[in-house]
Structure formats: C-alpha cells, structure tokens
N, C-alpha and C. Protein backbone atom coordinates (compact mmCIF):
# COMPACT_ATOMS: atom_id res chain seq x y z
N MET A 1 -41.52 -142.14 48.43
CA MET A 1 -39.83 -142.42 48.44
C MET A 1 -39.14 -142.19 47.20
N THR A 2 -39.59 -142.76 46.60
CA THR A 2 -39.10 -143.17 44.84
C THR A 2 -39.20 -141.69 44.30
N LYS A 3 -39.91 -140.83 44.52
CA LYS A 3 -40.77 -139.57 44.26
C LYS A 3 -39.43 -138.38 44.41
N HIS A 4 -39.17 -138.51 45.71
CA HIS A 4 -38.03 -137.67 46.58
C HIS A 4 -36.70 -138.18 45.82
N VAL A 5 -36.30 -139.29 45.39
CA VAL A 5 -35.04 -139.66 44.67
C VAL A 5 -35.19 -139.15 43.53
N TYR A 6 -36.35 -139.12 42.95
CA TYR A 6 -36.23 -138.72 41.18
C TYR A 6 -36.34 -137.08 41.46
N VAL A 7 -37.07 -136.37 42.33
CA VAL A 7 -36.89 -134.78 42.43
C VAL A 7 -35.59 -134.41 42.63
N ALA A 8 -34.82 -135.08 43.46
CA ALA A 8 -33.36 -135.18 44.13
C ALA A 8 -32.58 -135.10 42.96
N ALA A 9 -32.47 -135.91 41.98
CA ALA A 9 -31.62 -136.54 41.26
C ALA A 9 -32.13 -135.36 39.83
N LEU A 10 -33.36 -135.11 39.58
CA LEU A 10 -33.64 -133.99 38.80
C LEU A 10 -33.12 -132.76 39.01
N CYS A 11 -32.99 -132.17 40.26
CA CYS A 11 -32.57 -131.06 40.61
C CYS A 11 -31.09 -131.14 40.43
N GLY A 12 -30.34 -132.26 40.88
CA GLY A 12 -28.69 -132.58 40.58
C GLY A 12 -28.53 -132.14 38.94
N ALA A 13 -29.17 -132.86 38.19
CA ALA A 13 -29.02 -132.90 36.99
C ALA A 13 -29.15 -131.30 36.35
N ILE A 14 -30.22 -130.75 36.75
CA ILE A 14 -30.60 -129.07 36.32
C ILE A 14 -29.18 -128.29 36.69
N MET A 15 -28.67 -128.98 38.07
CA MET A 15 -27.33 -127.99 38.36
C MET A 15 -26.19 -128.05 37.93
N LEU A 16 -26.08 -129.52 37.46
CA LEU A 16 -25.03 -129.73 36.43
C LEU A 16 -25.10 -129.10 35.40
N GLY A 17 -26.08 -129.36 34.79
CA GLY A 17 -26.34 -128.63 33.39
C GLY A 17 -25.86 -127.25 33.30
N ALA A 18 -26.66 -126.44 34.30
CA ALA A 18 -26.05 -124.89 34.56
C ALA A 18 -24.85 -124.56 34.45
N HIS A 19 -24.29 -125.49 35.40
CA HIS A 19 -22.66 -125.35 35.46
C HIS A 19 -21.95 -125.59 34.54
N GLY A 20 -22.20 -126.24 33.48
CA GLY A 20 -21.50 -126.82 32.11
C GLY A 20 -21.92 -125.85 31.29
N VAL A 21 -22.92 -125.32 31.31
CA VAL A 21 -23.51 -124.17 30.08
C VAL A 21 -22.43 -122.66 30.97
N ALA A 22 -22.42 -122.89 32.05
CA ALA A 22 -21.83 -121.36 32.38
C ALA A 22 -20.01 -121.78 32.03
N ALA A 23 -19.56 -122.86 32.48
CA ALA A 23 -18.14 -123.10 32.08
C ALA A 23 -17.73 -123.06 30.54
N ALA A 24 -18.90 -123.32 29.77
CA ALA A 24 -18.86 -123.37 28.30
C ALA A 24 -19.02 -121.77 27.71
N GLN A 25 -19.55 -120.91 28.24
CA GLN A 25 -19.87 -119.77 27.88
C GLN A 25 -18.53 -118.86 28.30
N SER A 26 -18.08 -119.07 29.61
CA SER A 26 -16.75 -118.48 30.16
C SER A 26 -15.45 -118.65 29.26
N ALA A 27 -15.93 -120.01 28.82
CA ALA A 27 -14.67 -120.62 27.71
C ALA A 27 -14.50 -119.51 26.59
N GLN A 28 -15.98 -119.54 25.96
CA GLN A 28 -15.92 -119.14 24.60
C GLN A 28 -15.71 -117.59 24.94
N SER A 29 -16.08 -117.10 26.01
CA SER A 29 -15.68 -115.51 25.73
C SER A 29 -14.03 -115.02 26.24
N ALA A 30 -13.36 -116.22 26.96
CA ALA A 30 -12.18 -115.80 27.15
C ALA A 30 -10.98 -115.44 26.12
N PRO A 31 -10.27 -114.90 26.16
CA PRO A 31 -9.74 -114.14 24.84
C PRO A 31 -8.59 -115.86 24.87
N LYS A 32 -8.75 -115.82 23.15
CA LYS A 32 -7.64 -116.78 22.59
C LYS A 32 -6.49 -116.38 22.72
N PRO A 33 -5.42 -116.95 22.67
CA PRO A 33 -3.97 -116.38 22.25
C PRO A 33 -3.86 -116.50 20.73
N ASP A 34 -3.46 -115.70 20.26
CA ASP A 34 -3.09 -114.97 19.06
C ASP A 34 -2.12 -116.23 18.34
N PRO A 35 -1.94 -117.33 17.67
CA PRO A 35 -0.77 -118.14 17.24
C PRO A 35 0.06 -117.22 16.61
N ALA A 36 -0.24 -115.97 15.81
CA ALA A 36 0.52 -115.05 15.20
C ALA A 36 1.35 -114.57 16.30
N ASP A 37 1.09 -114.30 17.32
CA ASP A 37 1.85 -113.52 18.36
C ASP A 37 2.84 -114.62 18.67
N SER A 38 2.69 -115.77 19.20
CA SER A 38 3.56 -116.62 19.55
C SER A 38 4.61 -117.19 18.32
N ALA A 39 3.91 -117.01 17.59
CA ALA A 39 4.90 -117.58 16.11
C ALA A 39 5.83 -116.17 15.78
N ALA A 40 5.44 -114.93 16.00
CA ALA A 40 6.24 -113.92 15.85
C ALA A 40 7.81 -113.88 16.92
N SER A 41 7.24 -114.19 18.20
CA SER A 41 8.14 -113.92 19.17
C SER A 41 9.30 -115.19 19.07
N ILE A 42 8.66 -116.25 18.29
CA ILE A 42 9.53 -117.59 18.12
C ILE A 42 10.58 -117.26 16.76
N THR A 43 9.99 -116.43 15.88
CA THR A 43 10.61 -116.42 14.66
C THR A 43 11.86 -115.05 14.46
N LYS A 44 11.43 -114.32 15.80
CA LYS A 44 12.53 -113.26 15.84
C LYS A 44 14.06 -113.81 15.92
N LEU A 45 14.30 -114.69 16.07
CA LEU A 45 15.57 -115.12 16.06
C LEU A 45 15.87 -116.73 15.84
N ASN A 46 16.73 -116.54 15.00
CA ASN A 46 16.95 -118.19 14.04
C ASN A 46 17.71 -118.84 15.26
N SER A 47 17.73 -120.32 14.69
CA SER A 47 17.88 -121.28 15.95
C SER A 47 19.79 -120.96 16.27
N GLU A 48 20.63 -120.74 15.39
CA GLU A 48 21.84 -120.25 15.85
C GLU A 48 21.94 -118.90 16.79
N ASP A 49 21.35 -118.03 16.70
CA ASP A 49 21.15 -116.92 17.53
C ASP A 49 20.55 -117.09 19.01
N ARG A 50 19.48 -118.36 18.97
CA ARG A 50 19.16 -118.49 20.08
C ARG A 50 19.92 -119.63 20.52
N GLY A 51 20.54 -120.34 20.22
CA GLY A 51 21.83 -121.18 20.75
C GLY A 51 22.92 -120.39 21.32
N PHE A 52 23.21 -119.10 20.82
CA PHE A 52 24.23 -118.38 20.88
C PHE A 52 23.81 -117.41 22.51
N LEU A 53 22.57 -117.41 22.81
CA LEU A 53 22.12 -116.51 23.63
C LEU A 53 22.05 -117.81 24.99
N THR A 54 21.52 -118.92 24.74
CA THR A 54 21.83 -119.83 25.44
C THR A 54 23.04 -120.07 26.27
N ARG A 55 24.23 -120.64 25.28
CA ARG A 55 25.41 -120.70 25.50
C ARG A 55 26.08 -119.52 26.54
N ALA A 56 26.11 -118.34 25.63
CA ALA A 56 26.44 -117.20 26.40
C ALA A 56 25.50 -117.00 27.72
N ALA A 57 24.48 -117.29 28.19
CA ALA A 57 24.00 -117.15 29.55
C ALA A 57 24.79 -117.95 30.20
N GLU A 58 24.65 -119.54 29.99
CA GLU A 58 24.99 -120.64 30.76
C GLU A 58 26.65 -120.01 30.81
N SER A 59 27.56 -119.84 30.00
CA SER A 59 28.90 -119.41 30.23
C SER A 59 28.91 -118.43 31.20
N GLY A 60 28.29 -117.63 31.27
CA GLY A 60 27.89 -116.41 32.36
C GLY A 60 27.85 -116.97 33.60
N TYR A 61 26.94 -117.76 33.86
CA TYR A 61 26.62 -118.45 35.26
C TYR A 61 27.86 -119.25 35.72
N LEU A 62 28.32 -120.11 34.77
CA LEU A 62 29.75 -120.71 35.11
C LEU A 62 30.94 -119.69 35.83
N GLU A 63 31.26 -118.84 35.08
CA GLU A 63 31.69 -117.93 35.53
C GLU A 63 31.74 -117.23 36.56
N VAL A 64 30.11 -116.83 36.91
CA VAL A 64 30.15 -116.45 38.06
C VAL A 64 30.04 -117.06 39.07
N ASP A 65 29.40 -118.12 39.22
CA ASP A 65 29.24 -119.35 40.01
C ASP A 65 30.85 -119.63 40.42
N GLY A 66 31.77 -120.08 39.67
CA GLY A 66 32.91 -120.86 39.93
C GLY A 66 33.63 -119.40 40.86
N SER A 67 33.56 -118.43 40.10
CA SER A 67 34.09 -117.16 40.89
C SER A 67 33.77 -116.97 42.26
N LYS A 68 32.37 -117.24 42.57
CA LYS A 68 31.70 -116.92 44.02
C LYS A 68 32.70 -118.26 44.66
N LEU A 69 33.09 -119.26 44.43
CA LEU A 69 33.26 -120.14 44.94
C LEU A 69 34.87 -120.22 45.25
N ALA A 70 35.52 -119.25 44.31
CA ALA A 70 36.84 -118.76 44.73
C ALA A 70 36.81 -117.86 45.62
N LEU A 71 36.03 -117.05 45.62
CA LEU A 71 36.00 -115.89 46.78
C LEU A 71 35.71 -116.53 48.33
N LYS A 72 35.05 -117.75 48.09
CA LYS A 72 34.54 -118.68 49.47
C LYS A 72 36.06 -119.15 49.95
N LYS A 73 36.66 -119.88 48.70
CA LYS A 73 37.67 -121.32 49.12
C LYS A 73 38.94 -120.73 49.07
N SER A 74 39.42 -119.69 48.27
CA SER A 74 40.80 -119.25 48.10
C SER A 74 41.39 -118.54 49.28
N GLN A 75 42.76 -118.72 49.44
CA GLN A 75 43.43 -117.73 50.74
C GLN A 75 44.17 -116.93 49.84
N ASN A 76 44.08 -117.04 48.25
CA ASN A 76 45.03 -116.23 47.44
C ASN A 76 44.58 -114.96 47.17
N ALA A 77 45.35 -113.59 47.18
CA ALA A 77 44.45 -112.51 47.34
C ALA A 77 44.29 -111.96 45.98
N LYS A 78 45.29 -112.54 44.63
CA LYS A 78 45.35 -112.18 43.46
C LYS A 78 44.11 -113.36 42.73
N VAL A 79 43.76 -114.37 43.38
CA VAL A 79 42.60 -115.02 42.95
C VAL A 79 41.40 -114.46 43.21
N LYS A 80 41.26 -114.15 44.59
CA LYS A 80 40.15 -113.18 44.86
C LYS A 80 39.69 -111.96 44.20
N GLN A 81 40.71 -111.21 44.14
CA GLN A 81 40.79 -110.17 43.09
C GLN A 81 40.07 -110.48 41.71
N TYR A 82 40.61 -111.33 41.05
CA TYR A 82 40.36 -111.76 39.98
C TYR A 82 38.75 -112.24 40.12
N ALA A 83 38.51 -113.08 40.80
CA ALA A 83 37.28 -113.84 41.15
C ALA A 83 36.47 -112.45 41.34
N GLN A 84 36.26 -111.36 42.15
CA GLN A 84 35.48 -110.72 42.37
C GLN A 84 35.09 -109.59 41.17
N LYS A 85 36.14 -109.61 40.21
CA LYS A 85 36.03 -108.79 38.81
C LYS A 85 34.90 -109.66 38.10
N MET A 86 35.35 -111.11 38.34
CA MET A 86 34.75 -111.81 37.33
C MET A 86 33.20 -112.05 37.62
N VAL A 87 32.90 -111.95 38.92
CA VAL A 87 31.45 -111.95 39.45
C VAL A 87 30.83 -110.24 38.95
N ASP A 88 31.33 -109.34 39.45
CA ASP A 88 30.81 -108.33 39.00
C ASP A 88 30.66 -108.19 37.47
N ASP A 89 31.63 -108.17 36.57
CA ASP A 89 31.47 -108.09 35.02
C ASP A 89 30.49 -109.17 34.85
N HIS A 90 30.55 -110.27 35.10
CA HIS A 90 30.00 -111.26 34.04
C HIS A 90 28.17 -111.13 35.03
N THR A 91 27.93 -111.02 36.05
CA THR A 91 26.97 -110.33 36.19
C THR A 91 26.34 -109.14 35.42
N ARG A 92 26.99 -108.15 35.52
CA ARG A 92 26.16 -107.27 34.27
C ARG A 92 26.54 -107.56 33.24
N VAL A 93 27.08 -108.28 32.59
CA VAL A 93 26.97 -108.38 31.23
C VAL A 93 25.62 -109.67 31.36
N GLY A 94 25.54 -110.65 32.21
CA GLY A 94 24.70 -111.54 31.99
C GLY A 94 23.12 -110.60 31.96
N GLN A 95 23.21 -109.64 32.96
CA GLN A 95 21.81 -108.80 32.99
C GLN A 95 21.39 -108.16 31.59
N GLN A 96 22.32 -108.12 31.13
CA GLN A 96 22.17 -107.24 29.63
C GLN A 96 21.79 -108.21 28.59
N LEU A 97 22.81 -109.27 28.59
CA LEU A 97 22.22 -110.49 27.84
C LEU A 97 20.83 -110.87 28.09
N GLN A 98 19.94 -110.88 29.32
CA GLN A 98 18.68 -111.22 29.35
C GLN A 98 17.65 -110.32 29.16
N ALA A 99 18.36 -108.88 29.04
CA ALA A 99 17.37 -108.01 28.82
C ALA A 99 17.18 -107.94 27.12
N LEU A 100 18.25 -108.56 26.32
CA LEU A 100 17.78 -108.07 24.97
C LEU A 100 17.59 -109.77 24.83
N ALA A 101 17.66 -110.31 25.36
CA ALA A 101 16.97 -111.73 25.11
C ALA A 101 15.59 -111.54 25.18
N LYS A 102 14.99 -110.93 26.24
CA LYS A 102 13.47 -110.69 26.59
C LYS A 102 13.05 -109.86 25.09
N GLN A 103 13.76 -108.86 25.04
CA GLN A 103 13.16 -107.71 23.97
C GLN A 103 12.94 -108.74 22.63
N LYS A 104 13.82 -109.66 22.41
CA LYS A 104 13.79 -110.31 21.14
C LYS A 104 12.65 -111.78 21.56
N GLY A 105 11.83 -111.65 22.50
CA GLY A 105 11.21 -112.78 22.75
C GLY A 105 11.52 -114.16 23.23
N PHE A 106 13.08 -114.24 23.72
CA PHE A 106 13.56 -115.51 24.19
C PHE A 106 13.77 -115.41 25.37
N GLU A 107 13.80 -116.65 26.31
CA GLU A 107 14.14 -116.94 27.44
C GLU A 107 15.30 -117.43 27.46
N THR A 108 16.16 -116.78 28.32
CA THR A 108 17.72 -117.60 28.62
C THR A 108 17.59 -118.60 29.56
N PRO A 109 18.56 -119.38 29.50
CA PRO A 109 18.53 -120.16 31.04
C PRO A 109 18.75 -119.33 32.24
N LYS A 110 18.57 -119.98 33.32
CA LYS A 110 18.75 -119.49 34.91
C LYS A 110 19.80 -119.89 35.52
N GLU A 111 21.08 -121.03 34.96
CA GLU A 111 21.67 -121.49 35.74
C GLU A 111 22.87 -122.02 34.37
N PRO A 112 24.01 -122.54 35.10
CA PRO A 112 24.86 -123.19 34.07
C PRO A 112 24.42 -124.48 33.46
N SER A 113 25.22 -125.07 32.34
CA SER A 113 24.45 -126.15 31.86
C SER A 113 24.85 -127.59 32.85
N LEU A 114 24.11 -128.68 32.52
CA LEU A 114 24.39 -129.91 33.34
C LEU A 114 26.03 -129.94 33.54
N VAL A 115 26.57 -129.94 32.60
CA VAL A 115 28.03 -130.33 32.50
C VAL A 115 28.74 -129.17 33.25
N GLN A 116 28.40 -128.02 32.74
CA GLN A 116 29.40 -126.90 33.54
C GLN A 116 28.55 -126.93 35.14
N SER A 117 27.66 -127.56 35.59
CA SER A 117 27.14 -127.69 36.79
C SER A 117 28.02 -128.78 37.86
N ALA A 118 28.23 -129.87 37.06
CA ALA A 118 28.79 -131.04 37.23
C ALA A 118 30.47 -130.40 37.67
N LYS A 119 31.03 -129.61 36.76
CA LYS A 119 32.50 -128.82 36.67
C LYS A 119 32.46 -128.36 38.17
N LEU A 120 31.36 -127.44 38.28
CA LEU A 120 31.36 -126.52 39.35
C LEU A 120 31.12 -127.28 40.83
N LYS A 121 30.38 -128.52 40.85
CA LYS A 121 30.33 -129.42 41.68
C LYS A 121 31.75 -130.14 42.08
N ALA A 122 32.76 -130.41 40.95
CA ALA A 122 33.94 -130.94 41.13
C ALA A 122 34.86 -129.70 41.94
N LEU A 123 34.86 -128.62 41.52
CA LEU A 123 35.57 -127.34 41.66
C LEU A 123 35.36 -127.45 42.79
N ASP A 124 34.32 -127.25 43.54
CA ASP A 124 34.01 -127.08 45.12
C ASP A 124 34.38 -128.33 45.85
N LEU A 125 34.49 -129.48 45.39
CA LEU A 125 35.02 -130.40 46.27
C LEU A 125 36.43 -130.52 46.57
N ARG A 126 37.04 -129.52 45.60
CA ARG A 126 38.51 -129.53 45.63
C ARG A 126 38.89 -128.88 46.87
N SER A 127 40.41 -129.19 47.57
CA SER A 127 40.61 -128.25 48.65
C SER A 127 41.92 -128.09 48.51
N ASP A 128 42.71 -129.17 47.86
CA ASP A 128 44.30 -129.00 47.53
C ASP A 128 44.22 -128.82 45.93
N GLY A 129 44.84 -127.59 45.77
CA GLY A 129 45.13 -127.32 44.38
C GLY A 129 44.15 -126.27 43.52
N PHE A 130 43.12 -125.84 44.65
CA PHE A 130 41.67 -125.16 44.19
C PHE A 130 41.82 -124.20 43.28
N ASP A 131 43.23 -123.25 43.64
CA ASP A 131 43.63 -121.92 42.82
C ASP A 131 43.77 -122.30 41.61
N GLU A 132 44.93 -123.31 41.29
CA GLU A 132 45.31 -124.09 40.11
C GLU A 132 43.74 -124.47 39.13
N ALA A 133 43.09 -125.02 39.66
CA ALA A 133 41.74 -125.66 39.02
C ALA A 133 40.94 -124.39 38.59
N TYR A 134 40.77 -123.83 39.37
CA TYR A 134 40.03 -122.33 39.46
C TYR A 134 40.41 -121.58 37.97
N SER A 135 41.62 -121.42 38.11
CA SER A 135 42.43 -120.51 37.17
C SER A 135 42.44 -121.28 35.39
N ASP A 136 42.69 -122.37 35.77
CA ASP A 136 42.57 -123.69 34.50
C ASP A 136 41.34 -123.37 33.99
N GLU A 137 40.43 -123.84 34.99
CA GLU A 137 38.85 -124.08 34.43
C GLU A 137 38.05 -122.90 34.01
N ILE A 138 37.89 -122.15 34.87
CA ILE A 138 37.28 -121.00 34.80
C ILE A 138 37.98 -120.00 34.50
N GLY A 139 39.21 -119.46 34.85
CA GLY A 139 39.54 -118.31 34.22
C GLY A 139 40.03 -118.35 32.97
N VAL A 140 41.09 -119.61 32.56
CA VAL A 140 41.31 -119.68 31.20
C VAL A 140 40.34 -120.55 30.22
N ALA A 141 40.17 -121.98 30.54
CA ALA A 141 39.17 -122.63 29.44
C ALA A 141 37.72 -121.91 29.52
N ALA A 142 37.35 -121.41 30.51
CA ALA A 142 35.92 -120.85 30.45
C ALA A 142 35.85 -119.55 29.28
N HIS A 143 36.87 -118.60 29.62
CA HIS A 143 36.95 -117.69 28.98
C HIS A 143 37.28 -117.95 27.44
N GLU A 144 38.34 -119.19 27.30
CA GLU A 144 38.44 -119.21 25.45
C GLU A 144 36.98 -120.00 24.82
N ASP A 145 36.51 -120.34 25.71
CA ASP A 145 35.29 -120.60 25.14
C ASP A 145 34.16 -119.65 24.79
N ALA A 146 34.10 -118.78 25.62
CA ALA A 146 33.34 -117.26 25.59
C ALA A 146 33.91 -116.69 24.78
N VAL A 147 35.36 -116.30 24.56
CA VAL A 147 35.92 -115.78 23.57
C VAL A 147 35.44 -116.51 22.03
N GLU A 148 35.53 -117.62 21.85
CA GLU A 148 35.28 -118.33 20.72
C GLU A 148 33.76 -117.74 20.30
N LEU A 149 32.90 -118.02 21.54
CA LEU A 149 31.40 -118.23 21.21
C LEU A 149 31.07 -116.81 20.83
N PHE A 150 31.45 -115.66 21.23
CA PHE A 150 30.96 -114.43 21.10
C PHE A 150 31.71 -113.74 19.86
N ASP A 151 33.15 -114.37 19.45
CA ASP A 151 33.89 -113.74 18.17
C ASP A 151 32.66 -114.60 16.86
N LYS A 152 32.22 -115.70 17.12
CA LYS A 152 31.55 -116.32 15.84
C LYS A 152 30.40 -115.75 15.75
N ALA A 153 29.89 -114.88 16.95
CA ALA A 153 28.50 -114.44 16.90
C ALA A 153 28.82 -113.10 16.45
N THR A 154 29.73 -112.18 16.44
CA THR A 154 30.16 -111.22 15.95
C THR A 154 29.94 -111.00 14.25
N LYS A 155 30.72 -112.30 14.11
CA LYS A 155 30.73 -112.74 12.23
C LYS A 155 29.54 -113.17 11.65
N GLU A 156 28.52 -114.14 12.54
CA GLU A 156 27.41 -114.82 12.04
C GLU A 156 26.30 -114.54 12.28
N SER A 157 25.87 -113.87 13.92
CA SER A 157 24.55 -113.74 13.66
C SER A 157 23.91 -112.91 12.60
N ASN A 158 22.55 -113.27 12.30
CA ASN A 158 21.53 -112.60 11.77
C ASN A 158 21.03 -111.64 12.23
N ASP A 159 21.12 -111.25 13.58
CA ASP A 159 20.46 -110.26 14.10
C ASP A 159 21.42 -109.21 14.26
N PRO A 160 21.02 -107.95 14.24
CA PRO A 160 22.21 -106.89 14.20
C PRO A 160 22.36 -106.28 15.81
N ASP A 161 21.23 -106.61 16.58
CA ASP A 161 21.29 -106.48 17.95
C ASP A 161 22.09 -107.25 19.06
N LEU A 162 22.18 -108.72 18.23
CA LEU A 162 22.85 -109.63 18.95
C LEU A 162 24.55 -109.30 18.61
N LYS A 163 24.58 -109.02 17.22
CA LYS A 163 25.84 -108.69 16.79
C LYS A 163 26.83 -107.88 17.64
N ARG A 164 25.94 -106.60 17.54
CA ARG A 164 26.34 -105.88 18.33
C ARG A 164 26.74 -105.90 19.80
N PHE A 165 25.90 -106.58 20.33
CA PHE A 165 26.16 -106.81 21.89
C PHE A 165 27.68 -108.09 21.83
N ALA A 166 27.26 -108.76 20.99
CA ALA A 166 28.61 -109.86 21.18
C ALA A 166 29.75 -108.85 20.56
N ALA A 167 30.15 -108.08 19.84
CA ALA A 167 30.83 -107.22 19.34
C ALA A 167 31.61 -106.19 20.82
N ASP A 168 30.38 -105.87 21.21
CA ASP A 168 30.80 -104.98 22.56
C ASP A 168 31.39 -105.56 23.62
N THR A 169 30.83 -106.98 23.81
CA THR A 169 31.35 -107.55 24.98
C THR A 169 32.59 -108.51 24.81
N LEU A 170 32.69 -108.54 23.55
CA LEU A 170 34.21 -109.29 23.35
C LEU A 170 35.48 -108.66 23.78
N PRO A 171 35.46 -107.62 23.69
CA PRO A 171 37.11 -106.99 24.22
C PRO A 171 37.30 -107.40 25.80
N ALA A 172 36.46 -107.24 26.42
CA ALA A 172 36.21 -107.51 27.90
C ALA A 172 36.30 -108.94 28.11
N LEU A 173 35.97 -109.73 27.23
CA LEU A 173 36.27 -111.24 27.45
C LEU A 173 37.83 -111.56 27.00
N LYS A 174 38.15 -111.12 26.27
CA LYS A 174 39.51 -111.14 25.77
C LYS A 174 40.54 -110.50 26.76
N ARG A 175 40.25 -109.51 27.24
CA ARG A 175 41.00 -108.89 28.66
C ARG A 175 40.98 -109.83 29.96
N HIS A 176 39.71 -110.58 30.23
CA HIS A 176 39.74 -111.64 31.01
C HIS A 176 40.42 -112.65 30.83
N LEU A 177 40.68 -113.12 29.33
CA LEU A 177 41.40 -114.09 29.07
C LEU A 177 42.72 -114.13 29.76
N GLN A 178 43.22 -112.93 29.10
CA GLN A 178 44.68 -112.23 29.15
C GLN A 178 45.21 -112.26 30.71
N GLU A 179 44.24 -111.73 31.40
CA GLU A 179 44.32 -111.52 33.00
C GLU A 179 44.38 -112.98 33.49
N ALA A 180 43.60 -114.08 33.05
CA ALA A 180 43.42 -115.31 33.66
C ALA A 180 44.28 -116.14 33.19
N ARG A 181 45.13 -116.05 32.21
CA ARG A 181 46.79 -116.49 31.95
C ARG A 181 47.61 -116.05 32.78
N ALA A 182 47.66 -114.59 33.05
CA ALA A 182 48.56 -114.24 33.79
C ALA A 182 48.59 -114.71 35.52
N LEU A 183 47.22 -114.98 35.53
CA LEU A 183 47.01 -115.64 37.27
C LEU A 183 47.39 -116.71 36.78
N GLN A 184 46.97 -117.55 35.96
CA GLN A 184 47.14 -119.10 35.99
C GLN A 184 49.16 -119.28 35.96
N LYS A 185 49.71 -118.45 35.39
CA LYS A 185 51.03 -118.50 35.34
C LYS A 185 51.80 -118.48 36.65
N ALA A 186 50.84 -117.34 37.83
CA ALA A 186 51.49 -116.68 38.84
C ALA A 186 51.13 -118.05 39.62
N ILE A 187 49.99 -118.78 39.70
CA ILE A 187 49.78 -119.74 40.68
C ILE A 187 50.74 -120.89 40.41
N LYS A 188 51.07 -121.26 38.94
CA LYS A 188 51.91 -122.34 38.83
C LYS A 188 53.61 -121.96 39.27
N GLY A 189 53.65 -120.75 39.12
CA GLY A 189 54.89 -120.34 39.83
C GLY A 189 55.06 -120.48 41.13
N GLN A 190 53.94 -120.08 41.87
CA GLN A 190 53.98 -120.25 43.08
C GLN A 190 54.31 -121.77 43.86
N GLY A 191 53.53 -122.60 42.84
CA GLY A 191 53.27 -123.80 43.15
C GLY A 191 54.92 -124.59 42.85
N GLN A 192 55.45 -123.88 41.98
CA GLN A 192 57.00 -124.61 41.64
C GLN A 192 58.18 -124.00 42.80
N ALA A 193 58.03 -122.83 43.34
CA ALA A 193 58.72 -122.41 44.55
C ALA A 193 58.77 -122.91 45.50
N LYS A 194 57.28 -123.78 45.83
CA LYS A 194 57.25 -124.37 47.32
C LYS A 194 58.33 -125.63 47.44
C-alpha cells in the first residue's frame, strides 16, 4: 500500500514540476514591455498640458451632461435651443480632444469631476428655478471657467498641437459665453415680469 502512495506522490511531483517548467518557459518567451515605450508616452506631455487635457475633458462632460438635463427638464424654448447647441458643439470638441490626447499617449477622463458631478446632481434635483440655475451654472460659470482654461493653454502650453487646439476652440467658447449671458438675462427678465 505504501508503495502505491509513494508512486502516486512521485507522479504528482513530476507533473507539478513539468507544469512549473512550462510556465517558466512561457514567461521567458513572452515579450516584455519596453520601459522606453511607456516612458516616451508619459513624457510626451508635461504635467500642465496633461492637466489642461483633464480639466478640458471634464468641463466638456459637465456642459454636455448639464445641457442634456436642460433638454429633459426645461419648458423654455430658448433654454432648449441653447442646450442642444451645447450638446452638439461640446460633444464634437470632446471627440477632437480625446483624439488629440490619444495621439499624445494620454487618456482623458470619461466623465465630469466629482465636484462637477455633485453640481449636476443638485441641478437635476431642482424643479423651481431650473432654467435660471442652468443658465447661471452651466451656461455662464462653466463657460467662464472654460474660456479661462483654454486662454491659458493658448499662452502657456508647451505642446504646439495643444496650443493650436486651444486657440481654435477658444472663439466658440467665447461665443457660448456671450450667448449664455444673453440667455441668463432673458430668464431673469422673465422671472421679474411674473
């Protein structure tokens, strides 16, 4: 009986050893990532340029998601018209931003920041005064931040492609801000007329 146990144990040890050798051989033959490749993709952009891409992506998601809320919740035709334009324009710019970031070896966020998400949640909970809150927070405040962010990138970015992207996008952001201020004024005027 002990002879059978000994033979079974020996067979098990041989099988385990063969499996270990095969695993070691496949690990040795697997291509190892080149540290220079990952270092190159990280160093394509400095931290300020990566920060710009991150904040620009998050800002775009805030404006798109907030404008989708306006399309769903607002009864005001002017608010809905502005919101649809924001969804269309910022979705297109967001796609361009992601393509540029990918080309630079950087992955942008896929949603607004946590603070921006909390703002969107609070906006979604509003029924009274939704249009005014939307025009204040998404229309004016978010575009003021975006204009400042993109303007800074046009002056300070070390990457010529990012600088060009920011410069090309900035005029539309300024127009959006002007339109948002006009919308804000019209909404406040409607509120006072009641």
